[in-house]
């Protein structure tokens, strides 16, 4: 059978539509003897029956292991070049009390960017001194609250924040450690909305303005300047963008050393993961080695000491650990005319009981995902499908294109892997749908780590019903 002409060029028809690509799924995911998907030793059908669908499932050992691997890999590689490294977990990817504890126990610090994230991490037992505070528009209340609590470092995004943080530190009688976020101008190879170092960008100050802003920081006795911070984007696979950003930052870093101490350099995060079998995501160990080599070579060229380093992986820790379960509702074959006028083809829409309210990335970024039937194996030939959600939007799609067994039917349980990052954290109540629960699985047991929302929760917030 010839491939469906509606399939994107990168997508290959699988020999076996039941196969689970190890690069995409969490480390414990497998099919048991009956063909059912099992994660963390718990069957998908059991999870759906216990908690309902849609359901976020997090492989706890996978998440803990990736956090520990990140700390070990970056520590080893930067230690090799004679320095140390702080590894922050980027909480915006997904934060709950349990996840905060997992990453903290693995040796990670936590990168927060709102008062809400600060509250969750603190309530989970993460010491404020082990947190970094990001954001381009931190409120005065957030600044005051975190400075008073003893936040480890605040990443200043603009000149206004120099004054605001200094005044808060003076009020509380402390010297606040700060970094300065700079816009390196490096164009990372990622989606337009994920590239965060382009010139036309809300984050950071232009690299050319950094010396003047740093001078204003150093002029405030209540501030201690640690160094520059850069974040070039998200879902980045190669090291070329980091190499260019590091070279640009270290050039300014070297200039700043002439007028004072610059103990640190933060290269941010954005390390990519595999969402499909076509994604070539490098292991964090390889990226850590490449970054260490880049920094060492550039410092040698500039004749400066290697600074203490910091990095901020988030997606790379929690993304592959998550899987979302859905139930199939309706199936519709749509005849589509081909763009080249060479006839027609059929696209199969498989609609599920979730959608853009639990995974906004496909609508936001045209993000690609994989999908598999979770409750059984099938001998049917693969069929190209598009997995759609239940919301009243034509762009409400979960999986743009993948192959499922051709006998996929209403009532089937589907699993979408690599949904640990930026799915729950971007979830909404669109169409008054409650956000799904998050369940951790480990050693054959499951437990709720974030309670799902009910209609009663939605009604309770409506003041018109008082």
Protein backbone atom coordinates (compact mmCIF):
# COMPACT_ATOMS: atom_id res chain seq x y z
CA UNK A 1 0.00 0.00 0.00
CA UNK A 2 1.35 3.44 -0.92
CA UNK A 3 1.73 5.91 1.95
CA UNK A 4 -1.02 8.42 2.57
CA UNK A 5 -0.03 11.62 0.69
CA UNK A 6 -1.38 13.68 3.61
CA UNK A 7 1.40 12.39 5.88
CA UNK A 8 4.12 15.00 6.59
CA UNK A 9 7.48 14.31 4.97
CA UNK A 10 9.16 13.44 8.28
CA UNK A 11 6.59 10.84 9.31
CA UNK A 12 7.33 7.24 8.36
CA UNK A 13 4.67 4.55 8.30
CA UNK A 14 5.63 2.04 11.01
CA UNK A 15 6.07 -1.63 10.35
CA UNK A 16 4.26 -2.21 13.66
CA UNK A 17 1.75 0.35 14.89
CA UNK A 18 2.00 -1.18 18.38
CA UNK A 19 5.70 -0.39 18.83
CA UNK A 20 6.77 2.17 21.45
CA UNK A 21 9.83 4.21 20.48
CA UNK A 22 12.13 4.25 23.53
CA UNK A 23 13.38 7.74 22.67
CA UNK A 24 9.87 9.17 23.02
CA UNK A 25 8.28 7.24 25.88
CA UNK A 26 9.18 7.31 29.56
CA UNK A 27 11.77 4.78 30.66
CA UNK A 28 9.34 2.33 32.24
CA UNK A 29 6.72 2.37 29.46
CA UNK A 30 6.14 -0.98 27.79
CA UNK A 31 3.41 -3.31 26.55
CA UNK A 32 2.56 -6.30 28.70
CA UNK A 33 1.77 -9.80 27.45
CA UNK A 34 -1.78 -8.75 26.55
CA UNK A 35 -0.59 -5.73 24.56
CA UNK A 36 -1.69 -3.13 27.10
CA UNK A 37 0.63 -0.20 27.85
CA UNK A 38 2.09 -0.24 31.34
CA UNK A 39 3.86 2.76 32.92
CA UNK A 40 5.57 2.57 36.29
CA UNK A 41 4.21 -0.95 36.62
CA UNK A 42 0.58 0.22 36.35
CA UNK A 43 -1.67 -0.71 33.42
CA UNK A 44 -3.21 2.09 31.39
CA UNK A 45 -6.69 0.57 31.70
CA UNK A 46 -6.39 0.44 35.47
CA UNK A 47 -5.38 4.09 35.57
CA UNK A 48 -8.27 5.14 33.36
CA UNK A 49 -10.76 3.11 35.37
CA UNK A 50 -9.51 4.55 38.67
CA UNK A 51 -9.05 8.21 37.77
CA UNK A 52 -10.94 8.74 34.52
CA UNK A 53 -9.71 10.41 31.35
CA UNK A 54 -8.13 12.66 30.28
CA UNK A 55 -5.38 11.82 32.74
CA UNK A 56 -1.83 13.05 33.11
CA UNK A 57 0.45 10.19 34.17
CA UNK A 58 3.97 10.90 35.45
CA UNK A 59 6.59 8.16 35.65
CA UNK A 60 8.11 9.11 39.01
CA UNK A 61 11.31 7.08 38.69
CA UNK A 62 11.86 8.50 35.22
CA UNK A 63 11.49 12.10 36.46
CA UNK A 64 13.69 11.51 39.49
CA UNK A 65 16.28 9.76 37.34
CA UNK A 66 16.43 12.53 34.77
CA UNK A 67 16.80 15.15 37.50
CA UNK A 68 19.67 13.19 39.05
CA UNK A 69 21.24 12.65 35.62
CA UNK A 70 21.13 16.39 34.93
CA UNK A 71 22.90 17.22 38.19
CA UNK A 72 25.49 14.48 37.67
CA UNK A 73 26.13 15.22 33.98
CA UNK A 74 26.60 18.97 34.29
CA UNK A 75 28.55 18.56 37.52
CA UNK A 76 30.90 16.05 35.93
CA UNK A 77 31.49 17.98 32.72
CA UNK A 78 31.99 21.41 34.27
CA UNK A 79 34.09 19.84 37.00
CA UNK A 80 36.29 18.52 34.23
CA UNK A 81 37.12 22.11 33.22
CA UNK A 82 37.77 23.22 36.77
CA UNK A 83 34.53 24.82 37.88
CA UNK A 84 31.22 24.07 39.55
CA UNK A 85 27.66 24.40 38.30
CA UNK A 86 24.24 25.15 39.72
CA UNK A 87 21.52 23.14 38.00
CA UNK A 88 18.08 24.74 38.29
CA UNK A 89 14.82 23.02 37.48
CA UNK A 90 12.74 25.34 35.27
CA UNK A 91 9.48 25.14 37.19
CA UNK A 92 7.40 26.64 34.39
CA UNK A 93 7.61 23.29 32.58
CA UNK A 94 5.52 21.66 35.32
CA UNK A 95 5.42 22.37 39.02
CA UNK A 96 3.65 20.66 41.85
CA UNK A 97 4.71 20.07 45.43
CA UNK A 98 5.76 16.51 44.66
CA UNK A 99 7.77 17.45 41.59
CA UNK A 100 9.48 20.22 43.56
CA UNK A 101 10.49 17.64 46.16
CA UNK A 102 11.71 15.17 43.54
CA UNK A 103 14.02 17.63 41.83
CA UNK A 104 15.21 19.12 45.11
CA UNK A 105 16.07 15.68 46.48
CA UNK A 106 18.02 15.04 43.27
CA UNK A 107 20.19 18.09 44.00
CA UNK A 108 18.54 20.64 41.73
CA UNK A 109 17.71 24.20 42.67
CA UNK A 110 14.40 25.61 41.41
CA UNK A 111 13.89 28.41 38.88
CA UNK A 112 10.59 30.22 39.48
CA UNK A 113 9.04 33.14 37.59
CA UNK A 114 5.91 34.10 39.54
CA UNK A 115 4.75 34.46 43.10
CA UNK A 116 2.56 31.41 42.61
CA UNK A 117 5.49 29.21 41.62
CA UNK A 118 7.43 30.60 44.58
CA UNK A 119 4.55 29.70 46.90
CA UNK A 120 4.31 26.12 45.62
CA UNK A 121 8.06 25.47 45.79
CA UNK A 122 8.30 27.00 49.25
CA UNK A 123 5.30 25.07 50.54
CA UNK A 124 6.94 21.89 49.21
CA UNK A 125 9.94 22.57 51.43
CA UNK A 126 12.37 24.08 48.93
CA UNK A 127 14.47 26.68 50.73
CA UNK A 128 14.18 30.14 49.13
CA UNK A 129 17.99 30.27 49.07
CA UNK A 130 17.86 27.44 46.51
CA UNK A 131 15.57 29.34 44.14
CA UNK A 132 16.18 31.75 41.29
CA UNK A 133 13.49 34.28 40.36
CA UNK A 134 12.92 35.07 36.67
CA UNK A 135 10.41 37.18 34.81
CA UNK A 136 10.19 40.31 32.68
CA UNK A 137 7.57 42.03 34.86
CA UNK A 138 7.91 40.94 38.47
CA UNK A 139 5.43 42.81 40.62
CA UNK A 140 6.60 44.99 43.49
CA UNK A 141 4.80 42.63 45.87
CA UNK A 142 6.56 39.57 44.39
CA UNK A 143 9.95 41.25 44.62
CA UNK A 144 9.38 42.33 48.20
CA UNK A 145 8.07 38.94 49.27
CA UNK A 146 10.93 36.94 47.75
CA UNK A 147 13.65 39.31 48.97
CA UNK A 148 12.23 39.20 52.49
CA UNK A 149 12.15 35.39 52.36
CA UNK A 150 15.81 35.16 51.33
CA UNK A 151 15.56 34.24 47.65
CA UNK A 152 18.88 32.92 46.39
CA UNK A 153 19.12 35.07 43.28
CA UNK A 154 16.90 37.38 41.27
CA UNK A 155 17.43 37.58 37.52
CA UNK A 156 17.01 41.24 36.61
CA UNK A 157 15.28 41.60 33.27
CA UNK A 158 15.51 45.36 32.80
CA UNK A 159 16.85 48.60 34.25
CA UNK A 160 13.63 49.26 36.19
CA UNK A 161 14.19 46.12 38.24
CA UNK A 162 17.61 47.31 39.35
CA UNK A 163 15.90 50.05 41.36
CA UNK A 164 12.97 47.92 42.50
CA UNK A 165 15.08 45.04 43.81
CA UNK A 166 17.62 47.37 45.40
CA UNK A 167 14.87 49.24 47.25
CA UNK A 168 13.36 45.97 48.50
CA UNK A 169 16.77 44.78 49.70
CA UNK A 170 17.38 48.07 51.48
CA UNK A 171 13.97 47.82 53.14
CA UNK A 172 14.77 44.38 54.50
CA UNK A 173 18.39 45.11 55.37
CA UNK A 174 19.92 42.49 53.08
CA UNK A 175 22.31 42.35 50.14
CA UNK A 176 20.45 40.64 47.31
CA UNK A 177 22.35 38.53 44.76
CA UNK A 178 21.28 39.28 41.19
CA UNK A 179 22.03 38.23 37.64
CA UNK A 180 21.30 40.31 34.56
CA UNK A 181 19.39 38.72 31.71
CA UNK A 182 20.79 39.77 28.38
CA UNK A 183 19.49 39.33 24.86
CA UNK A 184 22.37 37.76 22.99
CA UNK A 185 20.72 38.07 19.56
CA UNK A 186 21.33 34.39 18.87
CA UNK A 187 18.58 32.94 16.68
CA UNK A 188 17.95 29.45 17.99
CA UNK A 189 16.48 26.93 15.55
CA UNK A 190 13.04 26.62 17.12
CA UNK A 191 9.50 27.96 16.81
CA UNK A 192 9.20 31.76 16.61
CA UNK A 193 7.36 31.87 19.95
CA UNK A 194 10.02 29.71 21.63
CA UNK A 195 13.07 31.71 20.53
CA UNK A 196 13.83 34.06 23.42
CA UNK A 197 17.06 35.80 22.38
CA UNK A 198 16.06 37.56 19.18
CA UNK A 199 16.40 41.31 18.98
CA UNK A 200 12.64 41.96 18.84
CA UNK A 201 11.93 40.26 22.15
CA UNK A 202 10.37 41.10 25.51
CA UNK A 203 13.07 39.37 27.57
CA UNK A 204 16.36 40.86 28.74
CA UNK A 205 18.45 43.86 27.77
CA UNK A 206 20.53 44.10 24.58
CA UNK A 207 24.03 42.80 25.13
CA UNK A 208 25.39 46.21 24.15
CA UNK A 209 23.50 47.79 27.08
CA UNK A 210 24.78 45.29 29.66
CA UNK A 211 27.84 47.30 30.83
CA UNK A 212 25.73 50.34 31.72
CA UNK A 213 23.10 48.26 33.54
CA UNK A 214 25.79 46.32 35.40
CA UNK A 215 27.38 49.62 36.45
CA UNK A 216 24.04 50.68 37.93
CA UNK A 217 23.80 47.36 39.79
CA UNK A 218 27.29 47.74 41.19
CA UNK A 219 26.44 51.28 42.33
CA UNK A 220 23.78 49.89 44.69
CA UNK A 221 25.23 48.62 47.97
CA UNK A 222 22.16 46.43 48.50
CA UNK A 223 22.85 44.40 45.33
CA UNK A 224 25.56 41.85 44.62
CA UNK A 225 26.17 41.23 40.92
CA UNK A 226 26.75 37.55 40.14
CA UNK A 227 26.90 37.58 36.36
CA UNK A 228 25.03 37.48 33.08
CA UNK A 229 22.13 35.25 32.19
CA UNK A 230 21.01 34.12 28.74
CA UNK A 231 18.19 31.94 27.46
CA UNK A 232 18.16 31.48 23.70
CA UNK A 233 14.94 29.48 23.38
CA UNK A 234 13.26 26.16 23.98
CA UNK A 235 13.21 22.73 22.36
CA UNK A 236 16.75 23.15 20.98
CA UNK A 237 18.56 20.01 19.83
CA UNK A 238 22.07 21.15 18.88
CA UNK A 239 24.82 23.03 20.69
CA UNK A 240 25.62 25.58 17.94
CA UNK A 241 23.25 28.22 19.34
CA UNK A 242 24.68 27.77 22.83
CA UNK A 243 28.21 28.06 21.43
CA UNK A 244 27.46 31.39 19.79
CA UNK A 245 25.59 32.70 22.83
CA UNK A 246 28.42 31.67 25.16
CA UNK A 247 30.99 33.38 22.95
CA UNK A 248 29.00 36.63 22.92
CA UNK A 249 28.30 36.54 26.65
CA UNK A 250 31.85 35.69 27.63
CA UNK A 251 33.16 38.58 25.58
CA UNK A 252 31.07 40.98 27.66
CA UNK A 253 31.85 38.97 30.80
CA UNK A 254 35.56 39.55 30.17
CA UNK A 255 34.99 43.30 29.76
CA UNK A 256 32.99 43.43 33.01
CA UNK A 257 35.86 41.77 34.89
CA UNK A 258 37.92 44.93 34.42
CA UNK A 259 35.67 46.82 36.83
CA UNK A 260 34.72 44.17 39.37
CA UNK A 261 34.00 40.58 40.20
CA UNK A 262 31.84 38.47 37.84
CA UNK A 263 31.75 35.09 39.52
CA UNK A 264 29.06 33.35 37.45
CA UNK A 265 27.59 32.77 34.00
CA UNK A 266 24.13 31.29 33.41
CA UNK A 267 23.48 29.78 29.97
CA UNK A 268 19.81 29.02 30.67
CA UNK A 269 18.06 25.92 29.39
CA UNK A 270 15.88 24.99 26.44
CA UNK A 271 17.35 21.53 25.85
CA UNK A 272 15.06 19.61 23.50
CA UNK A 273 13.37 16.24 23.89
CA UNK A 274 11.94 13.75 21.40
CA UNK A 275 8.22 14.09 20.80
CA UNK A 276 8.30 11.85 17.71
CA UNK A 277 10.64 9.24 16.29
CA UNK A 278 11.93 11.89 13.85
CA UNK A 279 13.30 14.09 16.67
CA UNK A 280 17.02 13.71 17.28
CA UNK A 281 17.33 14.83 20.90
CA UNK A 282 20.84 14.60 22.32
CA UNK A 283 21.25 13.11 25.81
CA UNK A 284 21.90 15.73 28.48
CA UNK A 285 25.31 14.20 29.12
CA UNK A 286 26.37 14.97 25.55
CA UNK A 287 25.03 18.51 25.73
CA UNK A 288 26.75 19.07 29.07
CA UNK A 289 30.07 17.93 27.60
CA UNK A 290 29.62 20.18 24.56
CA UNK A 291 28.76 23.22 26.70
CA UNK A 292 31.74 22.62 28.97
CA UNK A 293 34.09 22.38 25.98
CA UNK A 294 32.62 25.59 24.52
CA UNK A 295 33.06 27.55 27.76
CA UNK A 296 36.57 26.24 28.39
CA UNK A 297 37.76 27.09 24.87
CA UNK A 298 36.28 30.58 24.93
CA UNK A 299 37.68 31.40 28.38
CA UNK A 300 41.10 30.21 27.24
CA UNK A 301 40.86 32.40 24.14
CA UNK A 302 39.91 35.42 26.24
CA UNK A 303 42.48 34.67 28.93
CA UNK A 304 39.94 34.70 31.78
CA UNK A 305 39.10 32.20 34.53
CA UNK A 306 36.25 29.80 33.91
CA UNK A 307 33.32 31.18 35.94
CA UNK A 308 30.95 29.23 38.12
CA UNK A 309 28.22 28.05 35.73
CA UNK A 310 24.46 27.68 35.92
CA UNK A 311 21.96 25.94 33.64
CA UNK A 312 18.17 25.57 33.79
CA UNK A 313 16.74 22.36 32.30
CA UNK A 314 13.00 21.88 32.72
CA UNK A 315 11.45 20.11 29.75
CA UNK A 316 14.44 17.73 29.56
CA UNK A 317 13.71 16.55 33.11
CA UNK A 318 9.92 16.30 33.24
CA UNK A 319 8.85 16.19 29.57
CA UNK A 320 9.62 12.56 28.71
CA UNK A 321 8.27 11.42 32.10
CA UNK A 322 4.68 12.35 31.26
CA UNK A 323 2.01 10.51 29.29
CA UNK A 324 -1.59 11.62 28.76
CA UNK A 325 -4.40 9.09 28.50
CA UNK A 326 -7.58 9.80 26.52
CA UNK A 327 -10.66 7.85 25.50
CA UNK A 328 -11.72 7.80 21.86
CA UNK A 329 -15.21 9.20 21.27
CA UNK A 330 -15.92 9.52 17.55
CA UNK A 331 -14.04 8.71 14.35
CA UNK A 332 -14.54 10.54 11.08
CA UNK A 333 -12.91 10.01 7.68
CA UNK A 334 -12.60 13.28 5.76
CA UNK A 335 -11.83 13.38 2.02
CA UNK A 336 -9.18 16.01 1.35
CA UNK A 337 -8.20 17.44 -2.04
CA UNK A 338 -4.44 17.43 -2.50
CA UNK A 339 -2.66 20.75 -2.88
CA UNK A 340 -1.04 19.72 -6.15
CA UNK A 341 -4.39 18.90 -7.68
CA UNK A 342 -3.38 15.27 -8.10
CA UNK A 343 -6.49 13.78 -6.62
CA UNK A 344 -7.79 13.22 -3.11
CA UNK A 345 -6.85 11.39 0.07
CA UNK A 346 -8.57 10.47 3.32
CA UNK A 347 -7.64 11.95 6.67
CA UNK A 348 -9.01 10.06 9.66
CA UNK A 349 -10.02 12.27 12.58
CA UNK A 350 -9.98 10.44 15.90
CA UNK A 351 -11.68 12.59 18.50
CA UNK A 352 -10.89 12.22 22.21
CA UNK A 353 -12.31 13.49 25.49
CA UNK A 354 -9.62 16.13 26.04
CA UNK A 355 -7.85 18.56 23.74
CA UNK A 356 -6.42 22.05 23.81
CA UNK A 357 -7.55 22.56 27.41
CA UNK A 358 -5.06 19.91 28.56
CA UNK A 359 -2.46 20.30 25.79
CA UNK A 360 -2.27 23.77 24.24
CA UNK A 361 1.10 23.22 22.55
CA UNK A 362 -0.29 21.82 19.32
CA UNK A 363 -2.54 24.85 18.85
CA UNK A 364 0.13 27.32 20.01
CA UNK A 365 3.17 26.00 18.17
CA UNK A 366 1.89 23.34 15.75
CA UNK A 367 3.83 20.98 18.01
CA UNK A 368 4.09 17.37 16.87
CA UNK A 369 3.24 14.46 19.16
CA UNK A 370 3.05 10.69 18.90
CA UNK A 371 0.09 8.50 19.84
CA UNK A 372 -0.59 4.81 20.51
CA UNK A 373 -3.54 2.65 21.42
CA UNK A 374 -2.97 2.02 25.12
CA UNK A 375 -5.50 -0.64 26.08
CA UNK A 376 -4.64 -3.35 23.56
CA UNK A 377 -2.39 -4.41 20.74
CA UNK A 378 -3.70 -4.78 17.19
CA UNK A 379 -2.73 -6.65 14.06
CA UNK A 380 -4.53 -4.15 11.80
CA UNK A 381 -2.53 -2.24 9.21
CA UNK A 382 -1.43 1.26 10.24
CA UNK A 383 -3.68 4.15 9.24
CA UNK A 384 -2.79 7.84 9.21
CA UNK A 385 -4.77 9.71 11.86
CA UNK A 386 -5.19 13.17 13.29
CA UNK A 387 -6.18 13.17 16.96
CA UNK A 388 -8.66 15.97 17.67
CA UNK A 389 -10.04 17.32 20.91
CA UNK A 390 -13.62 18.02 22.00
CA UNK A 391 -13.47 21.83 22.08
CA UNK A 392 -15.29 24.22 19.76
CA UNK A 393 -12.20 25.21 17.79
CA UNK A 394 -11.07 23.81 14.45
CA UNK A 395 -7.50 24.16 15.72
CA UNK A 396 -8.25 21.94 18.73
CA UNK A 397 -5.83 19.18 17.78
CA UNK A 398 -3.70 16.97 20.02
CA UNK A 399 -1.71 14.99 17.45
CA UNK A 400 -1.38 16.48 13.98
CA UNK A 401 -0.28 13.28 12.27
CA UNK A 402 0.67 9.77 13.34
CA UNK A 403 -0.23 6.18 12.57
CA UNK A 404 -2.59 4.07 14.64
CA UNK A 405 -3.86 0.57 13.87
CA UNK A 406 -6.62 0.88 11.29
CA UNK A 407 -9.14 -0.72 13.64
CA UNK A 408 -8.99 2.12 16.20
CA UNK A 409 -12.53 2.40 17.55
CA UNK A 410 -14.73 4.47 19.86
CA UNK A 411 -13.98 3.48 23.44
CA UNK A 412 -10.31 2.74 22.77
CA UNK A 413 -7.84 4.17 25.23
CA UNK A 414 -5.11 6.31 23.62
CA UNK A 415 -1.77 7.35 25.10
CA UNK A 416 0.16 10.45 24.03
CA UNK A 417 3.75 10.37 25.34
CA UNK A 418 6.16 13.19 26.22
CA UNK A 419 3.45 15.37 27.75
CA UNK A 420 5.16 16.07 31.08
CA UNK A 421 6.21 19.61 30.15
CA UNK A 422 4.01 22.57 29.20
CA UNK A 423 0.78 20.58 29.15
CA UNK A 424 -0.57 20.75 32.70
CA UNK A 425 1.20 24.08 33.18
CA UNK A 426 -0.59 25.58 30.12
CA UNK A 427 -3.92 23.88 30.83
CA UNK A 428 -7.12 25.92 30.88
CA UNK A 429 -10.84 25.65 31.59
CA UNK A 430 -11.83 26.45 28.01
CA UNK A 431 -15.45 25.47 27.35
CA UNK A 432 -15.73 25.04 31.15
CA UNK A 433 -13.78 21.80 31.11
CA UNK A 434 -12.03 20.91 34.35
CA UNK A 435 -8.29 20.41 34.24
CA UNK A 436 -7.38 16.71 34.54
CA UNK A 437 -5.69 15.19 37.56
CA UNK A 438 -2.00 14.34 37.61
CA UNK A 439 -1.10 10.87 38.83
CA UNK A 440 2.37 9.60 39.70
CA UNK A 441 3.14 5.93 39.04
CA UNK A 442 5.95 3.95 40.61
CA UNK A 443 6.60 0.29 41.45
CA UNK A 444 3.12 -0.81 40.44
CA UNK A 445 1.30 1.82 42.50
CA UNK A 446 -0.34 5.12 41.60
CA UNK A 447 -1.29 8.21 43.56
CA UNK A 448 -2.77 11.62 42.77
CA UNK A 449 -0.23 14.45 43.00
CA UNK A 450 -2.51 17.16 41.60
CA UNK A 451 -6.26 16.82 42.09
CA UNK A 452 -8.41 17.14 38.99
CA UNK A 453 -11.08 19.81 38.76
CA UNK A 454 -14.77 19.00 38.89
CA UNK A 455 -17.78 20.95 37.69
CA UNK A 456 -18.35 21.83 41.34
CA UNK A 457 -14.92 23.51 41.37
CA UNK A 458 -15.85 25.56 38.32
CA UNK A 459 -19.22 26.59 39.79
CA UNK A 460 -17.64 27.49 43.14
CA UNK A 461 -15.59 30.25 41.50
CA UNK A 462 -18.57 31.82 39.75
CA UNK A 463 -19.54 34.71 42.04
CA UNK A 464 -22.86 35.05 40.21
CA UNK A 465 -24.00 31.82 41.81
CA UNK A 466 -23.40 32.94 45.41
